[in-house]
Amino acid sequence: MIRYKGVVDEIILVAVDPEQCKRFHEIPEIQCISDLSTGIGPIGGLHAGSRAAKGEFILVSACDMPCINPSVIEYLFGRMEDYNAVIPCWNPDMLEPQHAVTGGTRSFLLLNAMIRCRSVQW
C-alpha cells in the first residue's frame, strides 16, 4: 500500500474491529479504522472508509486486490469528471466495484442510505 502514497492523499484501511487494526499500528502511512456497521460485509467497510476519508474522491480496493498498479489508479481518478463513480469492467457484465473510484461526499450519502435500507424477498 505504501507505493500508492504519491498517487493518493491518504490510505485508510478498514478492519472488522479494533483488534485487527492493531496489526497496522506500526505503519504510520496507514490509518486503520473499524467498521461502523458490523455484520453487513464489504458495504460496512465502504461506509466506514468513505466517512473517514477527507478527499473529494475515494479509491476503493478490496483486501484481495492489494497490488493495484499506481498508473491504473491515476487513470481511474482521471476519468471521474461529473460521474459519481468510475468502475473498471472486463465487459459490460463483469464490473469491479471493489476496485473503483467514487465521489467522497456523494458516495457517503448513497452508502448511508444503503445501510439504512431494508431488503425484502418476494
N, C-alpha and C. Protein backbone atom coordinates (compact mmCIF):
# COMPACT_ATOMS: atom_id res chain seq x y z
N MET A 1 0.82 -1.20 0.00
CA MET A 1 0.00 0.00 0.00
C MET A 1 0.86 1.26 0.00
N ILE A 2 2.02 1.18 0.56
CA ILE A 2 2.85 2.36 0.70
C ILE A 2 3.21 2.94 -0.67
N ARG A 3 3.29 2.10 -1.69
CA ARG A 3 3.66 2.60 -3.01
C ARG A 3 2.60 3.51 -3.61
N TYR A 4 1.43 3.58 -3.02
CA TYR A 4 0.37 4.46 -3.52
C TYR A 4 0.43 5.84 -2.89
N LYS A 5 1.36 6.06 -1.97
CA LYS A 5 1.43 7.33 -1.24
C LYS A 5 1.56 8.52 -2.18
N GLY A 6 2.25 8.39 -3.30
CA GLY A 6 2.37 9.50 -4.23
C GLY A 6 1.16 9.67 -5.14
N VAL A 7 0.26 8.70 -5.13
CA VAL A 7 -0.90 8.71 -6.02
C VAL A 7 -2.17 9.14 -5.28
N VAL A 8 -2.24 8.80 -4.01
CA VAL A 8 -3.41 9.16 -3.19
C VAL A 8 -2.94 10.02 -2.02
N ASP A 9 -3.86 10.81 -1.47
CA ASP A 9 -3.52 11.71 -0.37
C ASP A 9 -3.48 11.01 0.98
N GLU A 10 -4.27 9.97 1.12
CA GLU A 10 -4.31 9.25 2.39
C GLU A 10 -4.66 7.79 2.11
N ILE A 11 -4.25 6.92 3.03
CA ILE A 11 -4.56 5.49 2.92
C ILE A 11 -5.33 5.10 4.17
N ILE A 12 -6.57 4.67 3.96
CA ILE A 12 -7.43 4.24 5.06
C ILE A 12 -7.73 2.76 4.87
N LEU A 13 -7.39 1.99 5.86
CA LEU A 13 -7.67 0.56 5.84
C LEU A 13 -8.80 0.32 6.82
N VAL A 14 -9.84 -0.38 6.39
CA VAL A 14 -10.97 -0.65 7.27
C VAL A 14 -10.92 -2.12 7.69
N ALA A 15 -10.87 -2.34 9.00
CA ALA A 15 -10.84 -3.69 9.56
C ALA A 15 -12.16 -3.96 10.27
N VAL A 16 -12.38 -5.21 10.54
CA VAL A 16 -13.65 -5.59 11.15
C VAL A 16 -13.77 -5.08 12.60
N ASP A 17 -12.64 -4.96 13.31
CA ASP A 17 -12.69 -4.49 14.69
C ASP A 17 -11.35 -3.88 15.11
N PRO A 18 -11.31 -3.19 16.25
CA PRO A 18 -10.07 -2.55 16.70
C PRO A 18 -8.91 -3.54 16.89
N GLU A 19 -9.23 -4.75 17.24
CA GLU A 19 -8.18 -5.77 17.44
C GLU A 19 -7.41 -6.01 16.13
N GLN A 20 -8.12 -6.09 15.02
CA GLN A 20 -7.45 -6.26 13.72
C GLN A 20 -6.63 -5.02 13.36
N CYS A 21 -7.09 -3.85 13.74
CA CYS A 21 -6.35 -2.61 13.45
C CYS A 21 -4.98 -2.59 14.13
N LYS A 22 -4.86 -3.25 15.26
CA LYS A 22 -3.59 -3.28 15.98
C LYS A 22 -2.44 -3.80 15.11
N ARG A 23 -2.75 -4.66 14.16
CA ARG A 23 -1.72 -5.20 13.25
C ARG A 23 -1.06 -4.13 12.41
N PHE A 24 -1.71 -3.00 12.24
CA PHE A 24 -1.23 -1.96 11.33
C PHE A 24 -0.72 -0.70 12.05
N HIS A 25 -0.69 -0.72 13.37
CA HIS A 25 -0.22 0.44 14.13
C HIS A 25 1.23 0.79 13.83
N GLU A 26 2.01 -0.18 13.41
CA GLU A 26 3.44 0.04 13.13
C GLU A 26 3.68 0.75 11.80
N ILE A 27 2.65 0.89 10.99
CA ILE A 27 2.80 1.51 9.67
C ILE A 27 2.17 2.90 9.71
N PRO A 28 2.99 3.94 9.89
CA PRO A 28 2.42 5.29 10.08
C PRO A 28 1.70 5.84 8.85
N GLU A 29 1.96 5.31 7.67
CA GLU A 29 1.30 5.81 6.45
C GLU A 29 -0.14 5.35 6.32
N ILE A 30 -0.56 4.43 7.18
CA ILE A 30 -1.89 3.86 7.08
C ILE A 30 -2.73 4.25 8.29
N GLN A 31 -3.93 4.73 8.02
CA GLN A 31 -4.91 4.98 9.09
C GLN A 31 -5.84 3.78 9.09
N CYS A 32 -5.85 3.02 10.15
CA CYS A 32 -6.74 1.86 10.24
C CYS A 32 -7.92 2.21 11.13
N ILE A 33 -9.12 1.96 10.61
CA ILE A 33 -10.34 2.20 11.36
C ILE A 33 -11.18 0.93 11.34
N SER A 34 -12.15 0.87 12.22
CA SER A 34 -13.04 -0.29 12.29
C SER A 34 -14.36 0.00 11.60
N ASP A 35 -15.04 -1.08 11.21
CA ASP A 35 -16.39 -0.96 10.64
C ASP A 35 -17.28 -0.17 11.60
N LEU A 36 -18.10 0.69 11.05
CA LEU A 36 -19.09 1.42 11.86
C LEU A 36 -20.36 0.58 12.02
N SER A 37 -20.69 -0.14 10.97
CA SER A 37 -21.86 -1.02 10.97
C SER A 37 -21.35 -2.44 10.76
N THR A 38 -21.47 -3.28 11.75
CA THR A 38 -20.90 -4.63 11.66
C THR A 38 -21.92 -5.62 11.11
N GLY A 39 -21.40 -6.70 10.58
CA GLY A 39 -22.25 -7.80 10.12
C GLY A 39 -22.89 -7.58 8.77
N ILE A 40 -22.44 -6.59 8.01
CA ILE A 40 -23.07 -6.35 6.70
C ILE A 40 -22.06 -6.51 5.55
N GLY A 41 -20.89 -7.05 5.86
CA GLY A 41 -19.92 -7.35 4.81
C GLY A 41 -19.19 -6.13 4.27
N PRO A 42 -18.76 -6.20 3.01
CA PRO A 42 -17.95 -5.14 2.41
C PRO A 42 -18.59 -3.76 2.42
N ILE A 43 -19.91 -3.69 2.34
CA ILE A 43 -20.54 -2.36 2.33
C ILE A 43 -20.30 -1.63 3.65
N GLY A 44 -20.13 -2.38 4.74
CA GLY A 44 -19.80 -1.77 6.01
C GLY A 44 -18.43 -1.11 5.98
N GLY A 45 -17.48 -1.76 5.31
CA GLY A 45 -16.15 -1.19 5.15
C GLY A 45 -16.17 0.04 4.26
N LEU A 46 -16.94 -0.03 3.19
CA LEU A 46 -17.08 1.13 2.30
C LEU A 46 -17.68 2.32 3.03
N HIS A 47 -18.67 2.04 3.84
CA HIS A 47 -19.33 3.10 4.61
C HIS A 47 -18.33 3.75 5.57
N ALA A 48 -17.62 2.94 6.35
CA ALA A 48 -16.66 3.49 7.32
C ALA A 48 -15.53 4.23 6.62
N GLY A 49 -15.01 3.66 5.56
CA GLY A 49 -13.90 4.30 4.84
C GLY A 49 -14.30 5.60 4.19
N SER A 50 -15.48 5.65 3.58
CA SER A 50 -15.92 6.89 2.93
C SER A 50 -16.21 7.97 3.96
N ARG A 51 -16.64 7.57 5.12
CA ARG A 51 -16.91 8.55 6.18
C ARG A 51 -15.61 9.14 6.74
N ALA A 52 -14.57 8.32 6.79
CA ALA A 52 -13.29 8.76 7.35
C ALA A 52 -12.44 9.54 6.34
N ALA A 53 -12.67 9.32 5.06
CA ALA A 53 -11.85 9.95 4.02
C ALA A 53 -12.06 11.46 3.99
N LYS A 54 -10.98 12.17 3.76
CA LYS A 54 -11.04 13.62 3.71
C LYS A 54 -11.14 14.16 2.28
N GLY A 55 -10.76 13.36 1.30
CA GLY A 55 -10.71 13.82 -0.07
C GLY A 55 -12.06 13.86 -0.76
N GLU A 56 -12.08 14.53 -1.89
CA GLU A 56 -13.29 14.62 -2.70
C GLU A 56 -13.60 13.28 -3.37
N PHE A 57 -12.55 12.55 -3.73
CA PHE A 57 -12.71 11.26 -4.38
C PHE A 57 -12.05 10.16 -3.56
N ILE A 58 -12.56 8.95 -3.68
CA ILE A 58 -12.08 7.82 -2.89
C ILE A 58 -11.77 6.66 -3.82
N LEU A 59 -10.60 6.07 -3.65
CA LEU A 59 -10.27 4.82 -4.33
C LEU A 59 -10.70 3.69 -3.42
N VAL A 60 -11.49 2.79 -3.93
CA VAL A 60 -11.94 1.62 -3.19
C VAL A 60 -11.15 0.43 -3.70
N SER A 61 -10.58 -0.32 -2.78
CA SER A 61 -9.83 -1.51 -3.15
C SER A 61 -10.14 -2.62 -2.15
N ALA A 62 -10.54 -3.77 -2.63
CA ALA A 62 -10.82 -4.91 -1.76
C ALA A 62 -9.51 -5.47 -1.21
N CYS A 63 -9.61 -6.17 -0.09
CA CYS A 63 -8.41 -6.71 0.55
C CYS A 63 -7.70 -7.74 -0.32
N ASP A 64 -8.38 -8.35 -1.25
CA ASP A 64 -7.72 -9.33 -2.11
C ASP A 64 -7.22 -8.70 -3.42
N MET A 65 -7.14 -7.36 -3.45
CA MET A 65 -6.60 -6.63 -4.60
C MET A 65 -5.56 -5.62 -4.13
N PRO A 66 -4.56 -6.05 -3.36
CA PRO A 66 -3.62 -5.07 -2.79
C PRO A 66 -2.54 -4.56 -3.74
N CYS A 67 -2.37 -5.17 -4.89
CA CYS A 67 -1.25 -4.82 -5.77
C CYS A 67 -1.72 -4.09 -7.04
N ILE A 68 -2.53 -3.08 -6.86
CA ILE A 68 -3.02 -2.31 -8.00
C ILE A 68 -1.89 -1.43 -8.52
N ASN A 69 -1.74 -1.41 -9.82
CA ASN A 69 -0.72 -0.58 -10.45
C ASN A 69 -1.10 0.90 -10.24
N PRO A 70 -0.18 1.72 -9.71
CA PRO A 70 -0.49 3.14 -9.49
C PRO A 70 -0.97 3.87 -10.75
N SER A 71 -0.51 3.47 -11.93
CA SER A 71 -0.98 4.13 -13.15
C SER A 71 -2.46 3.83 -13.41
N VAL A 72 -2.94 2.67 -12.96
CA VAL A 72 -4.36 2.35 -13.08
C VAL A 72 -5.17 3.26 -12.17
N ILE A 73 -4.66 3.51 -10.97
CA ILE A 73 -5.33 4.40 -10.03
C ILE A 73 -5.43 5.81 -10.63
N GLU A 74 -4.33 6.30 -11.17
CA GLU A 74 -4.34 7.62 -11.80
C GLU A 74 -5.32 7.67 -12.97
N TYR A 75 -5.39 6.60 -13.74
CA TYR A 75 -6.31 6.52 -14.88
C TYR A 75 -7.76 6.64 -14.39
N LEU A 76 -8.10 5.90 -13.32
CA LEU A 76 -9.47 5.94 -12.79
C LEU A 76 -9.82 7.32 -12.26
N PHE A 77 -8.91 7.92 -11.48
CA PHE A 77 -9.16 9.28 -10.97
C PHE A 77 -9.35 10.26 -12.12
N GLY A 78 -8.59 10.10 -13.17
CA GLY A 78 -8.66 11.00 -14.32
C GLY A 78 -9.94 10.89 -15.12
N ARG A 79 -10.72 9.86 -14.89
CA ARG A 79 -11.98 9.66 -15.64
C ARG A 79 -13.22 10.05 -14.84
N MET A 80 -13.07 10.59 -13.63
CA MET A 80 -14.23 10.90 -12.79
C MET A 80 -15.16 11.93 -13.41
N GLU A 81 -14.62 13.05 -13.89
CA GLU A 81 -15.44 14.14 -14.46
C GLU A 81 -16.63 14.44 -13.55
N ASP A 82 -17.86 14.38 -14.04
CA ASP A 82 -19.04 14.66 -13.23
C ASP A 82 -19.78 13.39 -12.80
N TYR A 83 -19.11 12.26 -12.88
CA TYR A 83 -19.76 11.00 -12.51
C TYR A 83 -19.66 10.76 -11.01
N ASN A 84 -20.51 9.89 -10.48
CA ASN A 84 -20.45 9.52 -9.07
C ASN A 84 -19.39 8.44 -8.83
N ALA A 85 -19.04 7.71 -9.87
CA ALA A 85 -18.04 6.65 -9.72
C ALA A 85 -17.47 6.29 -11.09
N VAL A 86 -16.26 5.75 -11.05
CA VAL A 86 -15.64 5.14 -12.22
C VAL A 86 -15.32 3.72 -11.81
N ILE A 87 -15.95 2.75 -12.48
CA ILE A 87 -15.83 1.34 -12.12
C ILE A 87 -15.23 0.58 -13.29
N PRO A 88 -14.07 -0.03 -13.10
CA PRO A 88 -13.49 -0.83 -14.20
C PRO A 88 -14.37 -2.04 -14.50
N CYS A 89 -14.31 -2.49 -15.74
CA CYS A 89 -15.05 -3.70 -16.10
C CYS A 89 -14.29 -4.47 -17.17
N TRP A 90 -14.47 -5.77 -17.13
CA TRP A 90 -13.87 -6.64 -18.15
C TRP A 90 -14.74 -6.62 -19.39
N ASN A 91 -16.04 -6.56 -19.17
CA ASN A 91 -17.05 -6.41 -20.21
C ASN A 91 -18.28 -5.85 -19.50
N PRO A 92 -19.34 -5.50 -20.21
CA PRO A 92 -20.50 -4.87 -19.54
C PRO A 92 -21.11 -5.68 -18.40
N ASP A 93 -20.88 -7.00 -18.38
CA ASP A 93 -21.46 -7.83 -17.34
C ASP A 93 -20.51 -8.12 -16.18
N MET A 94 -19.26 -7.70 -16.28
CA MET A 94 -18.27 -8.03 -15.25
C MET A 94 -17.63 -6.76 -14.69
N LEU A 95 -18.36 -6.10 -13.79
CA LEU A 95 -17.87 -4.89 -13.13
C LEU A 95 -16.97 -5.25 -11.95
N GLU A 96 -16.08 -4.34 -11.60
CA GLU A 96 -15.19 -4.50 -10.45
C GLU A 96 -15.46 -3.35 -9.46
N PRO A 97 -16.62 -3.35 -8.77
CA PRO A 97 -16.97 -2.23 -7.90
C PRO A 97 -16.06 -2.07 -6.68
N GLN A 98 -15.34 -3.12 -6.32
CA GLN A 98 -14.41 -3.02 -5.20
C GLN A 98 -12.99 -2.73 -5.70
N HIS A 99 -12.93 -2.05 -6.82
CA HIS A 99 -11.66 -1.62 -7.42
C HIS A 99 -11.99 -0.37 -8.22
N ALA A 100 -12.60 0.61 -7.55
CA ALA A 100 -13.19 1.74 -8.25
C ALA A 100 -12.85 3.06 -7.56
N VAL A 101 -13.15 4.15 -8.23
CA VAL A 101 -13.03 5.49 -7.66
C VAL A 101 -14.44 6.04 -7.55
N THR A 102 -14.74 6.61 -6.37
CA THR A 102 -16.06 7.18 -6.15
C THR A 102 -15.92 8.60 -5.63
N GLY A 103 -17.01 9.35 -5.76
CA GLY A 103 -17.04 10.71 -5.22
C GLY A 103 -17.29 10.65 -3.73
N GLY A 104 -16.41 11.19 -2.92
CA GLY A 104 -16.45 11.08 -1.47
C GLY A 104 -17.78 11.37 -0.82
N THR A 105 -18.21 12.62 -0.79
CA THR A 105 -19.44 13.00 -0.12
C THR A 105 -20.65 12.35 -0.78
N ARG A 106 -20.68 12.36 -2.10
CA ARG A 106 -21.81 11.74 -2.81
C ARG A 106 -21.90 10.26 -2.47
N SER A 107 -20.75 9.59 -2.44
CA SER A 107 -20.74 8.16 -2.14
C SER A 107 -21.17 7.90 -0.71
N PHE A 108 -20.71 8.75 0.22
CA PHE A 108 -21.10 8.56 1.61
C PHE A 108 -22.61 8.65 1.77
N LEU A 109 -23.23 9.64 1.13
CA LEU A 109 -24.69 9.78 1.24
C LEU A 109 -25.40 8.56 0.68
N LEU A 110 -24.92 8.05 -0.45
CA LEU A 110 -25.51 6.85 -1.04
C LEU A 110 -25.33 5.65 -0.13
N LEU A 111 -24.11 5.44 0.37
CA LEU A 111 -23.85 4.30 1.26
C LEU A 111 -24.65 4.41 2.54
N ASN A 112 -24.78 5.61 3.06
CA ASN A 112 -25.57 5.80 4.27
C ASN A 112 -27.02 5.39 4.02
N ALA A 113 -27.54 5.73 2.87
CA ALA A 113 -28.91 5.32 2.52
C ALA A 113 -29.00 3.80 2.40
N MET A 114 -27.96 3.17 1.83
CA MET A 114 -27.97 1.72 1.66
C MET A 114 -27.88 1.01 3.00
N ILE A 115 -27.13 1.57 3.94
CA ILE A 115 -27.00 0.97 5.27
C ILE A 115 -28.37 0.95 5.95
N ARG A 116 -29.15 2.00 5.76
CA ARG A 116 -30.45 2.12 6.40
C ARG A 116 -31.57 1.62 5.49
N CYS A 117 -31.26 0.67 4.66
CA CYS A 117 -32.21 0.14 3.69
C CYS A 117 -32.62 -1.27 4.11
N ARG A 118 -33.84 -1.63 3.86
CA ARG A 118 -34.31 -2.98 4.16
C ARG A 118 -34.51 -3.75 2.87
N SER A 119 -33.95 -4.94 2.83
CA SER A 119 -34.16 -5.83 1.69
C SER A 119 -35.29 -6.79 2.04
N VAL A 120 -36.18 -7.01 1.09
CA VAL A 120 -37.28 -7.95 1.33
C VAL A 120 -37.37 -8.91 0.17
N GLN A 121 -37.72 -10.14 0.48
CA GLN A 121 -37.91 -11.14 -0.57
C GLN A 121 -39.37 -11.18 -0.97
N TRP A 122 -39.60 -11.47 -2.22
CA TRP A 122 -40.95 -11.57 -2.74
C TRP A 122 -41.44 -12.97 -2.58
